[in-house]
Amino acid sequence: MPSQPRHPGRRRAALALAAALAVVLTACANSDTGGSPTGSAPVTGTTPNGSTPARSAALTRPSASPATTAPSARCRTADLRASIGPNDPGAGQENFAVVLTNGSGRTCTVYGFPGIAFVDGAGKAVTPDPERATGQEEPTVTLNPGASAWSALTFTNPEVTGVTTVTPAAVLVTPPDETESLTVAWKGGKVSNTGKASVPQVSPFRPGDGG
């Protein structure tokens, strides 16, 4: 009669331990070689043609910040209010301050000369364009909200030169580098309409209101 194993329980335990070790070793091998556990999607792999798919751009590089463009600091016509100060005559000259005031909520700048046109009630020009008084400093004037810049509008009293005149109804004031104008009522009296004498001149803008 064949002999039976003395300890069948120990043999079964040894076999179970060996099987468990085999499972652990297989799992470690998959981890070392990039394999994925059973039932989970692989982190990397190949496409049907054998190529390696590219990783998501979000995983390989930071997203680009949206492009930003600094707004222009120049005062636009819509930012400004225009006015003309009272006459300050002297030595046969008529002197007025053409004032631009920042009526917006942002800080902006004014640089250069205003555009000036004397017009009638229908908005039609009634004199030649004023000239620019060149050879003067042209500062960039920074206008905080509520601040002003002014340009000197001057001309010889027409009675001194004897030229023909016209009394404009208004002045169109165009801020530097702008195309839209601001209308200001003209209360300064007669202006030469010949373009030969008593021609008005304007200066570059400077800080303040000319007072």
N, C-alpha and C. Protein backbone atom coordinates (compact mmCIF):
# COMPACT_ATOMS: atom_id res chain seq x y z
N MET A 1 0.85 -1.20 0.00
CA MET A 1 0.00 0.00 0.00
C MET A 1 0.88 1.25 0.00
N PRO A 2 0.68 2.24 -0.97
CA PRO A 2 1.55 3.41 -1.07
C PRO A 2 1.46 4.25 0.19
N SER A 3 2.62 4.88 0.47
CA SER A 3 2.66 5.74 1.67
C SER A 3 2.08 7.11 1.36
N GLN A 4 1.42 7.75 2.29
CA GLN A 4 0.81 9.07 2.15
C GLN A 4 1.77 10.14 2.66
N PRO A 5 1.74 11.38 2.10
CA PRO A 5 2.58 12.45 2.62
C PRO A 5 2.27 12.70 4.08
N ARG A 6 3.35 12.93 4.82
CA ARG A 6 3.15 13.13 6.24
C ARG A 6 2.46 14.44 6.56
N HIS A 7 2.74 15.46 5.75
CA HIS A 7 2.16 16.79 6.09
C HIS A 7 1.50 17.41 4.85
N PRO A 8 0.36 16.91 4.42
CA PRO A 8 -0.29 17.47 3.23
C PRO A 8 -0.67 18.95 3.39
N GLY A 9 -0.99 19.42 4.58
CA GLY A 9 -1.38 20.82 4.79
C GLY A 9 -0.23 21.77 4.51
N ARG A 10 0.99 21.37 4.91
CA ARG A 10 2.15 22.23 4.67
C ARG A 10 2.43 22.37 3.18
N ARG A 11 2.26 21.25 2.43
CA ARG A 11 2.51 21.32 1.00
C ARG A 11 1.54 22.28 0.31
N ARG A 12 0.29 22.21 0.72
CA ARG A 12 -0.69 23.12 0.11
C ARG A 12 -0.37 24.59 0.44
N ALA A 13 0.07 24.83 1.65
CA ALA A 13 0.42 26.20 2.04
C ALA A 13 1.61 26.72 1.25
N ALA A 14 2.61 25.78 1.00
CA ALA A 14 3.79 26.19 0.23
C ALA A 14 3.42 26.53 -1.20
N LEU A 15 2.51 25.76 -1.78
CA LEU A 15 2.07 26.03 -3.15
C LEU A 15 1.34 27.37 -3.24
N ALA A 16 0.51 27.65 -2.27
CA ALA A 16 -0.22 28.92 -2.27
C ALA A 16 0.72 30.10 -2.14
N LEU A 17 1.77 29.94 -1.28
CA LEU A 17 2.74 31.02 -1.11
C LEU A 17 3.50 31.27 -2.40
N ALA A 18 3.86 30.19 -3.10
CA ALA A 18 4.59 30.34 -4.37
C ALA A 18 3.73 31.06 -5.40
N ALA A 19 2.45 30.73 -5.44
CA ALA A 19 1.57 31.40 -6.39
C ALA A 19 1.43 32.88 -6.09
N ALA A 20 1.34 33.20 -4.81
CA ALA A 20 1.22 34.62 -4.43
C ALA A 20 2.46 35.39 -4.81
N LEU A 21 3.67 34.79 -4.61
CA LEU A 21 4.91 35.45 -4.97
C LEU A 21 4.98 35.69 -6.48
N ALA A 22 4.47 34.73 -7.26
CA ALA A 22 4.49 34.88 -8.72
C ALA A 22 3.65 36.06 -9.14
N VAL A 23 2.49 36.27 -8.51
CA VAL A 23 1.63 37.41 -8.84
C VAL A 23 2.31 38.72 -8.52
N VAL A 24 2.99 38.76 -7.35
CA VAL A 24 3.68 39.99 -6.94
C VAL A 24 4.81 40.32 -7.89
N LEU A 25 5.60 39.31 -8.30
CA LEU A 25 6.71 39.54 -9.22
C LEU A 25 6.22 40.02 -10.58
N THR A 26 5.09 39.47 -11.04
CA THR A 26 4.54 39.90 -12.33
C THR A 26 4.11 41.36 -12.28
N ALA A 27 3.47 41.75 -11.18
CA ALA A 27 3.03 43.13 -11.03
C ALA A 27 4.21 44.09 -11.00
N CYS A 28 5.29 43.70 -10.32
CA CYS A 28 6.48 44.55 -10.26
C CYS A 28 7.11 44.69 -11.64
N ALA A 29 7.14 43.59 -12.40
CA ALA A 29 7.72 43.64 -13.74
C ALA A 29 6.94 44.59 -14.63
N ASN A 30 5.59 44.57 -14.54
CA ASN A 30 4.78 45.48 -15.34
C ASN A 30 5.04 46.93 -14.97
N SER A 31 5.21 47.17 -13.66
CA SER A 31 5.47 48.53 -13.22
C SER A 31 6.80 49.04 -13.73
N ASP A 32 7.85 48.21 -13.71
CA ASP A 32 9.18 48.62 -14.16
C ASP A 32 9.24 48.87 -15.65
N THR A 33 8.47 48.20 -16.43
CA THR A 33 8.54 48.30 -17.90
C THR A 33 7.47 49.20 -18.46
N GLY A 34 6.69 49.90 -17.62
CA GLY A 34 5.66 50.82 -18.11
C GLY A 34 4.34 50.14 -18.33
N GLY A 35 4.20 48.89 -18.01
CA GLY A 35 2.94 48.20 -18.19
C GLY A 35 1.91 48.69 -17.21
N SER A 36 0.65 48.49 -17.51
CA SER A 36 -0.42 48.94 -16.63
C SER A 36 -1.10 47.74 -16.01
N PRO A 37 -1.61 47.91 -14.80
CA PRO A 37 -2.31 46.81 -14.15
C PRO A 37 -3.52 46.40 -14.97
N THR A 38 -3.93 45.17 -14.80
CA THR A 38 -5.08 44.63 -15.52
C THR A 38 -6.32 45.45 -15.20
N GLY A 39 -7.06 45.83 -16.26
CA GLY A 39 -8.31 46.55 -16.08
C GLY A 39 -8.17 48.06 -16.12
N SER A 40 -6.94 48.64 -16.18
CA SER A 40 -6.77 50.10 -16.24
C SER A 40 -6.21 50.49 -17.60
N ALA A 41 -6.51 51.70 -18.04
CA ALA A 41 -6.03 52.17 -19.35
C ALA A 41 -4.56 52.48 -19.26
N PRO A 42 -3.76 52.12 -20.27
CA PRO A 42 -2.32 52.41 -20.24
C PRO A 42 -2.06 53.91 -20.31
N VAL A 43 -1.01 54.35 -19.60
CA VAL A 43 -0.63 55.75 -19.64
C VAL A 43 -0.06 56.10 -20.99
N THR A 44 0.77 55.22 -21.54
CA THR A 44 1.32 55.42 -22.88
C THR A 44 1.06 54.16 -23.69
N GLY A 45 1.21 54.28 -24.97
CA GLY A 45 0.98 53.12 -25.82
C GLY A 45 1.32 53.47 -27.23
N THR A 46 0.82 52.70 -28.15
CA THR A 46 1.07 52.93 -29.56
C THR A 46 -0.24 52.98 -30.30
N THR A 47 -0.24 53.70 -31.40
CA THR A 47 -1.41 53.77 -32.28
C THR A 47 -1.39 52.54 -33.17
N PRO A 48 -2.46 52.29 -33.89
CA PRO A 48 -2.50 51.09 -34.75
C PRO A 48 -1.34 51.01 -35.73
N ASN A 49 -0.76 52.13 -36.16
CA ASN A 49 0.36 52.05 -37.11
C ASN A 49 1.71 51.95 -36.43
N GLY A 50 1.68 51.84 -35.10
CA GLY A 50 2.91 51.60 -34.37
C GLY A 50 3.58 52.84 -33.84
N SER A 51 3.03 54.04 -34.12
CA SER A 51 3.65 55.27 -33.64
C SER A 51 3.20 55.57 -32.22
N THR A 52 3.98 56.37 -31.51
CA THR A 52 3.65 56.73 -30.14
C THR A 52 2.83 58.01 -30.14
N PRO A 53 1.64 58.02 -29.55
CA PRO A 53 0.82 59.23 -29.57
C PRO A 53 1.46 60.33 -28.74
N ALA A 54 1.27 61.60 -29.20
CA ALA A 54 1.82 62.73 -28.47
C ALA A 54 1.01 62.97 -27.21
N ARG A 55 1.68 63.43 -26.16
CA ARG A 55 0.97 63.77 -24.95
C ARG A 55 0.18 65.06 -25.14
N SER A 56 -0.80 65.26 -24.28
CA SER A 56 -1.60 66.48 -24.34
C SER A 56 -0.72 67.68 -24.11
N ALA A 57 -0.98 68.79 -24.87
CA ALA A 57 -0.19 70.01 -24.72
C ALA A 57 -0.29 70.55 -23.30
N ALA A 58 -1.43 70.30 -22.66
CA ALA A 58 -1.60 70.81 -21.30
C ALA A 58 -0.67 70.12 -20.33
N LEU A 59 -0.21 68.88 -20.67
CA LEU A 59 0.68 68.13 -19.79
C LEU A 59 2.14 68.43 -20.08
N THR A 60 2.46 68.90 -21.28
CA THR A 60 3.85 69.05 -21.67
C THR A 60 4.35 70.48 -21.61
N ARG A 61 3.44 71.49 -21.63
CA ARG A 61 3.88 72.89 -21.56
C ARG A 61 2.77 73.73 -20.95
N PRO A 62 3.12 74.82 -20.27
CA PRO A 62 2.09 75.69 -19.69
C PRO A 62 1.32 76.40 -20.79
N SER A 63 0.07 76.68 -20.50
CA SER A 63 -0.74 77.39 -21.49
C SER A 63 -0.24 78.81 -21.64
N ALA A 64 -0.30 79.35 -22.87
CA ALA A 64 0.20 80.69 -23.14
C ALA A 64 -0.75 81.72 -22.56
N SER A 65 -0.20 82.78 -22.01
CA SER A 65 -1.02 83.88 -21.50
C SER A 65 -1.62 84.64 -22.66
N PRO A 66 -2.85 85.13 -22.53
CA PRO A 66 -3.45 85.88 -23.63
C PRO A 66 -2.66 87.15 -23.90
N ALA A 67 -2.53 87.50 -25.18
CA ALA A 67 -1.78 88.69 -25.56
C ALA A 67 -2.51 89.93 -25.08
N THR A 68 -1.76 90.88 -24.57
CA THR A 68 -2.35 92.13 -24.11
C THR A 68 -1.69 93.29 -24.83
N THR A 69 -2.46 94.30 -25.15
CA THR A 69 -1.95 95.49 -25.81
C THR A 69 -2.24 96.71 -24.95
N ALA A 70 -1.19 97.43 -24.63
CA ALA A 70 -1.36 98.61 -23.79
C ALA A 70 -2.17 99.66 -24.54
N PRO A 71 -3.20 100.17 -23.91
CA PRO A 71 -4.00 101.17 -24.58
C PRO A 71 -3.21 102.45 -24.81
N SER A 72 -3.61 103.19 -25.85
CA SER A 72 -2.93 104.45 -26.13
C SER A 72 -3.19 105.43 -25.00
N ALA A 73 -2.11 106.24 -24.63
CA ALA A 73 -2.25 107.22 -23.56
C ALA A 73 -2.73 108.57 -24.10
N ARG A 74 -2.83 108.72 -25.44
CA ARG A 74 -3.21 110.01 -26.00
C ARG A 74 -4.66 110.35 -25.66
N CYS A 75 -4.91 111.61 -25.35
CA CYS A 75 -6.28 112.06 -25.12
C CYS A 75 -7.04 112.04 -26.44
N ARG A 76 -8.19 111.43 -26.43
CA ARG A 76 -9.05 111.44 -27.61
C ARG A 76 -10.09 112.54 -27.46
N THR A 77 -10.70 112.92 -28.57
CA THR A 77 -11.69 114.00 -28.54
C THR A 77 -12.79 113.71 -27.52
N ALA A 78 -13.23 112.45 -27.46
CA ALA A 78 -14.31 112.10 -26.54
C ALA A 78 -13.91 112.24 -25.08
N ASP A 79 -12.60 112.28 -24.80
CA ASP A 79 -12.13 112.43 -23.42
C ASP A 79 -12.15 113.89 -22.95
N LEU A 80 -12.29 114.82 -23.88
CA LEU A 80 -11.98 116.22 -23.58
C LEU A 80 -13.18 117.15 -23.67
N ARG A 81 -13.06 118.26 -22.94
CA ARG A 81 -13.97 119.40 -23.08
C ARG A 81 -13.14 120.60 -23.52
N ALA A 82 -13.69 121.43 -24.38
CA ALA A 82 -12.96 122.61 -24.88
C ALA A 82 -13.63 123.88 -24.41
N SER A 83 -12.80 124.89 -24.19
CA SER A 83 -13.30 126.22 -23.83
C SER A 83 -12.29 127.25 -24.30
N ILE A 84 -12.73 128.50 -24.38
CA ILE A 84 -11.84 129.61 -24.76
C ILE A 84 -11.96 130.69 -23.69
N GLY A 85 -10.82 131.04 -23.10
CA GLY A 85 -10.81 132.04 -22.04
C GLY A 85 -11.08 133.44 -22.57
N PRO A 86 -11.28 134.39 -21.68
CA PRO A 86 -11.55 135.78 -22.08
C PRO A 86 -10.33 136.43 -22.70
N ASN A 87 -10.56 137.47 -23.46
CA ASN A 87 -9.47 138.20 -24.10
C ASN A 87 -8.60 138.89 -23.05
N ASP A 88 -7.29 138.80 -23.25
CA ASP A 88 -6.33 139.50 -22.39
C ASP A 88 -5.46 140.36 -23.28
N PRO A 89 -6.00 141.49 -23.76
CA PRO A 89 -5.31 142.29 -24.78
C PRO A 89 -4.08 142.99 -24.21
N GLY A 90 -3.15 143.32 -25.14
CA GLY A 90 -1.97 144.07 -24.74
C GLY A 90 -1.12 144.40 -25.95
N ALA A 91 -0.63 145.65 -26.03
CA ALA A 91 0.26 146.10 -27.11
C ALA A 91 -0.32 145.82 -28.48
N GLY A 92 -1.63 146.06 -28.63
CA GLY A 92 -2.26 145.87 -29.93
C GLY A 92 -2.55 144.42 -30.27
N GLN A 93 -2.31 143.52 -29.32
CA GLN A 93 -2.55 142.10 -29.56
C GLN A 93 -3.80 141.63 -28.83
N GLU A 94 -4.53 140.73 -29.47
CA GLU A 94 -5.66 140.05 -28.84
C GLU A 94 -5.17 138.67 -28.41
N ASN A 95 -5.38 138.31 -27.16
CA ASN A 95 -4.80 137.07 -26.61
C ASN A 95 -5.88 136.24 -25.91
N PHE A 96 -6.04 135.01 -26.38
CA PHE A 96 -7.03 134.10 -25.81
C PHE A 96 -6.34 132.76 -25.46
N ALA A 97 -6.91 132.06 -24.49
CA ALA A 97 -6.42 130.73 -24.13
C ALA A 97 -7.42 129.69 -24.63
N VAL A 98 -6.96 128.80 -25.50
CA VAL A 98 -7.77 127.67 -25.95
C VAL A 98 -7.48 126.52 -24.99
N VAL A 99 -8.48 126.10 -24.24
CA VAL A 99 -8.28 125.17 -23.13
C VAL A 99 -8.95 123.82 -23.44
N LEU A 100 -8.19 122.75 -23.19
CA LEU A 100 -8.73 121.39 -23.24
C LEU A 100 -8.67 120.81 -21.84
N THR A 101 -9.79 120.30 -21.35
CA THR A 101 -9.87 119.73 -20.01
C THR A 101 -10.24 118.26 -20.11
N ASN A 102 -9.52 117.44 -19.37
CA ASN A 102 -9.77 116.00 -19.37
C ASN A 102 -11.05 115.70 -18.59
N GLY A 103 -12.10 115.36 -19.31
CA GLY A 103 -13.37 115.05 -18.67
C GLY A 103 -13.60 113.57 -18.49
N SER A 104 -12.59 112.74 -18.79
CA SER A 104 -12.75 111.30 -18.68
C SER A 104 -12.28 110.83 -17.29
N GLY A 105 -12.37 109.55 -17.06
CA GLY A 105 -11.91 108.98 -15.80
C GLY A 105 -10.52 108.38 -15.88
N ARG A 106 -9.82 108.61 -17.00
CA ARG A 106 -8.47 108.06 -17.15
C ARG A 106 -7.47 109.19 -17.36
N THR A 107 -6.20 108.89 -17.11
CA THR A 107 -5.13 109.84 -17.38
C THR A 107 -4.70 109.71 -18.83
N CYS A 108 -4.52 110.84 -19.51
CA CYS A 108 -4.11 110.81 -20.91
C CYS A 108 -3.18 111.99 -21.18
N THR A 109 -2.63 112.06 -22.39
CA THR A 109 -1.65 113.09 -22.70
C THR A 109 -2.06 113.90 -23.93
N VAL A 110 -1.58 115.15 -23.95
CA VAL A 110 -1.79 116.06 -25.08
C VAL A 110 -0.42 116.54 -25.53
N TYR A 111 -0.18 116.51 -26.84
CA TYR A 111 1.11 116.95 -27.37
C TYR A 111 0.91 117.66 -28.70
N GLY A 112 1.43 118.89 -28.79
CA GLY A 112 1.39 119.60 -30.06
C GLY A 112 0.38 120.72 -30.09
N PHE A 113 -0.13 121.01 -31.31
CA PHE A 113 -0.98 122.17 -31.56
C PHE A 113 -2.44 121.75 -31.73
N PRO A 114 -3.36 122.65 -31.37
CA PRO A 114 -4.76 122.38 -31.69
C PRO A 114 -5.06 122.74 -33.14
N GLY A 115 -6.09 122.13 -33.67
CA GLY A 115 -6.65 122.62 -34.93
C GLY A 115 -7.73 123.64 -34.60
N ILE A 116 -7.68 124.78 -35.29
CA ILE A 116 -8.64 125.87 -35.02
C ILE A 116 -9.31 126.28 -36.32
N ALA A 117 -10.64 126.39 -36.28
CA ALA A 117 -11.38 126.89 -37.44
C ALA A 117 -12.48 127.82 -36.95
N PHE A 118 -12.48 129.05 -37.45
CA PHE A 118 -13.56 129.99 -37.15
C PHE A 118 -14.69 129.73 -38.13
N VAL A 119 -15.93 129.54 -37.61
CA VAL A 119 -17.04 129.14 -38.47
C VAL A 119 -18.26 130.01 -38.19
N ASP A 120 -19.18 129.99 -39.16
CA ASP A 120 -20.45 130.69 -38.96
C ASP A 120 -21.46 129.75 -38.30
N GLY A 121 -22.70 130.21 -38.22
CA GLY A 121 -23.72 129.40 -37.55
C GLY A 121 -24.01 128.08 -38.23
N ALA A 122 -23.68 127.98 -39.52
CA ALA A 122 -23.90 126.73 -40.26
C ALA A 122 -22.69 125.81 -40.20
N GLY A 123 -21.63 126.24 -39.52
CA GLY A 123 -20.42 125.42 -39.41
C GLY A 123 -19.46 125.59 -40.56
N LYS A 124 -19.67 126.64 -41.38
CA LYS A 124 -18.78 126.89 -42.52
C LYS A 124 -17.66 127.83 -42.10
N ALA A 125 -16.41 127.49 -42.52
CA ALA A 125 -15.25 128.32 -42.18
C ALA A 125 -15.40 129.70 -42.80
N VAL A 126 -15.08 130.74 -42.02
CA VAL A 126 -15.22 132.12 -42.49
C VAL A 126 -13.89 132.87 -42.50
N THR A 127 -12.81 132.22 -42.07
CA THR A 127 -11.47 132.82 -42.11
C THR A 127 -10.47 131.76 -42.57
N PRO A 128 -9.30 132.18 -43.03
CA PRO A 128 -8.24 131.21 -43.29
C PRO A 128 -7.84 130.52 -41.98
N ASP A 129 -7.24 129.35 -42.11
CA ASP A 129 -6.81 128.63 -40.91
C ASP A 129 -5.74 129.41 -40.17
N PRO A 130 -5.81 129.45 -38.83
CA PRO A 130 -4.74 130.08 -38.06
C PRO A 130 -3.40 129.39 -38.32
N GLU A 131 -2.33 130.15 -38.12
CA GLU A 131 -0.98 129.61 -38.30
C GLU A 131 -0.43 129.05 -36.99
N ARG A 132 0.59 128.21 -37.11
CA ARG A 132 1.25 127.68 -35.93
C ARG A 132 2.44 128.57 -35.55
N ALA A 133 2.54 128.88 -34.27
CA ALA A 133 3.68 129.65 -33.77
C ALA A 133 4.83 128.68 -33.53
N THR A 134 5.67 128.53 -34.52
CA THR A 134 6.74 127.55 -34.43
C THR A 134 7.92 128.09 -33.62
N GLY A 135 8.89 127.22 -33.34
CA GLY A 135 10.07 127.62 -32.58
C GLY A 135 9.87 127.60 -31.09
N GLN A 136 8.71 127.13 -30.62
CA GLN A 136 8.44 127.04 -29.19
C GLN A 136 8.57 125.60 -28.72
N GLU A 137 8.85 125.44 -27.44
CA GLU A 137 8.93 124.09 -26.86
C GLU A 137 7.56 123.42 -26.97
N GLU A 138 7.59 122.13 -27.30
CA GLU A 138 6.35 121.36 -27.42
C GLU A 138 6.36 120.24 -26.38
N PRO A 139 5.94 120.53 -25.17
CA PRO A 139 5.96 119.50 -24.13
C PRO A 139 4.82 118.50 -24.29
N THR A 140 5.02 117.31 -23.77
CA THR A 140 3.92 116.35 -23.63
C THR A 140 3.25 116.64 -22.30
N VAL A 141 1.98 117.02 -22.35
CA VAL A 141 1.24 117.42 -21.15
C VAL A 141 0.40 116.25 -20.68
N THR A 142 0.66 115.78 -19.47
CA THR A 142 -0.12 114.69 -18.89
C THR A 142 -1.32 115.26 -18.15
N LEU A 143 -2.49 114.80 -18.51
CA LEU A 143 -3.73 115.30 -17.91
C LEU A 143 -4.38 114.22 -17.07
N ASN A 144 -4.34 114.41 -15.76
CA ASN A 144 -5.15 113.58 -14.88
C ASN A 144 -6.61 113.97 -15.07
N PRO A 145 -7.55 113.14 -14.64
CA PRO A 145 -8.96 113.53 -14.76
C PRO A 145 -9.21 114.90 -14.13
N GLY A 146 -9.81 115.81 -14.89
CA GLY A 146 -10.10 117.15 -14.42
C GLY A 146 -9.02 118.18 -14.69
N ALA A 147 -7.83 117.74 -15.13
CA ALA A 147 -6.73 118.68 -15.41
C ALA A 147 -6.86 119.26 -16.81
N SER A 148 -6.14 120.38 -17.05
CA SER A 148 -6.28 121.11 -18.31
C SER A 148 -4.92 121.40 -18.95
N ALA A 149 -4.98 121.61 -20.27
CA ALA A 149 -3.85 122.12 -21.04
C ALA A 149 -4.37 123.28 -21.88
N TRP A 150 -3.47 124.25 -22.21
CA TRP A 150 -3.94 125.40 -22.97
C TRP A 150 -2.96 125.78 -24.07
N SER A 151 -3.52 126.38 -25.11
CA SER A 151 -2.75 126.89 -26.24
C SER A 151 -3.09 128.37 -26.40
N ALA A 152 -2.06 129.19 -26.64
CA ALA A 152 -2.27 130.63 -26.81
C ALA A 152 -2.76 130.93 -28.22
N LEU A 153 -3.92 131.55 -28.33
CA LEU A 153 -4.47 132.02 -29.60
C LEU A 153 -4.32 133.54 -29.63
N THR A 154 -3.49 134.05 -30.55
CA THR A 154 -3.19 135.48 -30.57
C THR A 154 -3.30 136.04 -32.00
N PHE A 155 -3.63 137.30 -32.10
CA PHE A 155 -3.61 137.99 -33.40
C PHE A 155 -3.60 139.50 -33.15
N THR A 156 -3.08 140.23 -34.12
CA THR A 156 -3.06 141.69 -34.03
C THR A 156 -4.48 142.22 -34.19
N ASN A 157 -4.82 143.20 -33.39
CA ASN A 157 -6.15 143.80 -33.48
C ASN A 157 -6.39 144.26 -34.92
N PRO A 158 -7.45 143.79 -35.58
CA PRO A 158 -7.70 144.16 -36.98
C PRO A 158 -7.83 145.66 -37.20
N GLU A 159 -8.21 146.42 -36.18
CA GLU A 159 -8.31 147.87 -36.36
C GLU A 159 -6.93 148.49 -36.55
N VAL A 160 -5.90 147.83 -36.06
CA VAL A 160 -4.53 148.34 -36.22
C VAL A 160 -4.06 148.15 -37.65
N THR A 161 -4.38 147.01 -38.23
CA THR A 161 -3.90 146.69 -39.58
C THR A 161 -4.87 147.15 -40.67
N GLY A 162 -6.11 147.44 -40.31
CA GLY A 162 -7.07 147.94 -41.28
C GLY A 162 -7.61 146.89 -42.24
N VAL A 163 -7.55 145.62 -41.90
CA VAL A 163 -8.04 144.56 -42.79
C VAL A 163 -9.55 144.40 -42.64
N THR A 164 -10.14 143.77 -43.64
CA THR A 164 -11.56 143.43 -43.53
C THR A 164 -11.72 142.31 -42.51
N THR A 165 -12.90 142.25 -41.93
CA THR A 165 -13.10 141.31 -40.82
C THR A 165 -14.43 140.57 -40.94
N VAL A 166 -14.59 139.59 -40.08
CA VAL A 166 -15.83 138.85 -39.93
C VAL A 166 -15.96 138.50 -38.45
N THR A 167 -17.18 138.37 -38.01
CA THR A 167 -17.41 137.95 -36.62
C THR A 167 -17.90 136.50 -36.62
N PRO A 168 -17.05 135.56 -36.27
CA PRO A 168 -17.44 134.15 -36.28
C PRO A 168 -18.50 133.85 -35.22
N ALA A 169 -19.26 132.81 -35.47
CA ALA A 169 -20.24 132.36 -34.48
C ALA A 169 -19.62 131.38 -33.49
N ALA A 170 -18.65 130.62 -33.97
CA ALA A 170 -18.06 129.58 -33.10
C ALA A 170 -16.66 129.24 -33.58
N VAL A 171 -15.97 128.49 -32.76
CA VAL A 171 -14.65 127.97 -33.11
C VAL A 171 -14.70 126.45 -32.99
N LEU A 172 -14.19 125.77 -34.01
CA LEU A 172 -14.03 124.32 -33.94
C LEU A 172 -12.61 124.03 -33.45
N VAL A 173 -12.52 123.35 -32.32
CA VAL A 173 -11.23 123.02 -31.71
C VAL A 173 -10.99 121.53 -31.88
N THR A 174 -9.90 121.19 -32.59
CA THR A 174 -9.57 119.79 -32.82
C THR A 174 -8.32 119.44 -32.00
N PRO A 175 -8.41 118.49 -31.06
CA PRO A 175 -7.24 118.11 -30.27
C PRO A 175 -6.14 117.54 -31.17
N PRO A 176 -4.89 117.61 -30.73
CA PRO A 176 -3.77 117.09 -31.53
C PRO A 176 -3.98 115.63 -31.93
N ASP A 177 -3.67 115.33 -33.20
CA ASP A 177 -3.73 113.98 -33.75
C ASP A 177 -5.14 113.40 -33.79
N GLU A 178 -6.15 114.24 -33.65
CA GLU A 178 -7.53 113.79 -33.73
C GLU A 178 -8.19 114.37 -34.98
N THR A 179 -9.31 113.81 -35.38
CA THR A 179 -10.05 114.30 -36.54
C THR A 179 -11.40 114.87 -36.15
N GLU A 180 -11.92 114.52 -34.99
CA GLU A 180 -13.20 115.05 -34.53
C GLU A 180 -12.97 116.32 -33.73
N SER A 181 -13.86 117.29 -33.89
CA SER A 181 -13.70 118.60 -33.26
C SER A 181 -14.71 118.83 -32.15
N LEU A 182 -14.38 119.82 -31.32
CA LEU A 182 -15.27 120.29 -30.27
C LEU A 182 -15.68 121.72 -30.62
N THR A 183 -16.94 122.05 -30.48
CA THR A 183 -17.45 123.38 -30.86
C THR A 183 -17.54 124.27 -29.63
N VAL A 184 -16.97 125.47 -29.77
CA VAL A 184 -17.00 126.45 -28.68
C VAL A 184 -17.55 127.76 -29.23
N ALA A 185 -18.50 128.37 -28.55
CA ALA A 185 -19.04 129.67 -28.99
C ALA A 185 -17.93 130.72 -28.96
N TRP A 186 -17.88 131.57 -29.99
CA TRP A 186 -16.83 132.60 -30.06
C TRP A 186 -17.41 133.93 -29.57
N LYS A 187 -16.76 134.50 -28.57
CA LYS A 187 -17.19 135.76 -27.99
C LYS A 187 -16.07 136.80 -28.05
N GLY A 188 -15.11 136.56 -28.94
CA GLY A 188 -13.93 137.42 -29.00
C GLY A 188 -14.01 138.54 -30.02
N GLY A 189 -15.15 138.73 -30.67
CA GLY A 189 -15.30 139.86 -31.59
C GLY A 189 -14.82 139.56 -32.99
N LYS A 190 -14.41 140.61 -33.69
CA LYS A 190 -14.06 140.51 -35.11
C LYS A 190 -12.70 139.85 -35.31
N VAL A 191 -12.60 139.10 -36.42
CA VAL A 191 -11.36 138.40 -36.79
C VAL A 191 -11.08 138.69 -38.26
N SER A 192 -9.81 138.86 -38.59
CA SER A 192 -9.43 139.11 -39.99
C SER A 192 -9.85 137.94 -40.87
N ASN A 193 -10.39 138.27 -42.06
CA ASN A 193 -10.76 137.21 -43.00
C ASN A 193 -9.97 137.28 -44.30
N THR A 194 -8.83 138.00 -44.27
CA THR A 194 -8.05 138.17 -45.49
C THR A 194 -6.90 137.17 -45.62
N GLY A 195 -6.34 136.75 -44.50
CA GLY A 195 -5.17 135.90 -44.55
C GLY A 195 -3.90 136.66 -44.83
N LYS A 196 -3.95 138.01 -44.83
CA LYS A 196 -2.79 138.83 -45.15
C LYS A 196 -2.22 139.54 -43.92
N ALA A 197 -3.08 139.91 -43.01
CA ALA A 197 -2.63 140.59 -41.79
C ALA A 197 -3.58 140.20 -40.66
N SER A 198 -3.11 140.39 -39.44
CA SER A 198 -3.90 140.02 -38.26
C SER A 198 -4.30 138.55 -38.29
N VAL A 199 -3.48 137.71 -38.93
CA VAL A 199 -3.78 136.27 -38.99
C VAL A 199 -3.56 135.65 -37.61
N PRO A 200 -4.54 134.95 -37.04
CA PRO A 200 -4.36 134.32 -35.73
C PRO A 200 -3.27 133.25 -35.77
N GLN A 201 -2.59 133.10 -34.64
CA GLN A 201 -1.60 132.06 -34.45
C GLN A 201 -1.94 131.28 -33.19
N VAL A 202 -1.56 130.00 -33.19
CA VAL A 202 -1.74 129.16 -32.00
C VAL A 202 -0.39 128.58 -31.59
N SER A 203 -0.22 128.40 -30.27
CA SER A 203 1.02 127.84 -29.73
C SER A 203 0.81 126.37 -29.39
N PRO A 204 1.90 125.65 -29.10
CA PRO A 204 1.74 124.27 -28.61
C PRO A 204 1.04 124.29 -27.25
N PHE A 205 0.40 123.16 -26.93
CA PHE A 205 -0.24 123.06 -25.63
C PHE A 205 0.80 123.02 -24.51
N ARG A 206 0.41 123.59 -23.37
CA ARG A 206 1.23 123.59 -22.17
C ARG A 206 0.32 123.33 -20.97
N PRO A 207 0.86 122.96 -19.82
CA PRO A 207 -0.01 122.65 -18.67
C PRO A 207 -0.77 123.86 -18.17
N GLY A 208 -1.96 123.63 -17.64
CA GLY A 208 -2.74 124.69 -17.03
C GLY A 208 -3.89 125.16 -17.89
N ASP A 209 -4.55 126.22 -17.43
CA ASP A 209 -5.70 126.75 -18.17
C ASP A 209 -5.44 128.16 -18.73
N GLY A 210 -4.20 128.63 -18.65
CA GLY A 210 -3.87 129.93 -19.20
C GLY A 210 -4.26 131.10 -18.33
N GLY A 211 -4.78 130.83 -17.12
CA GLY A 211 -5.22 131.91 -16.26
C GLY A 211 -4.06 132.54 -15.48
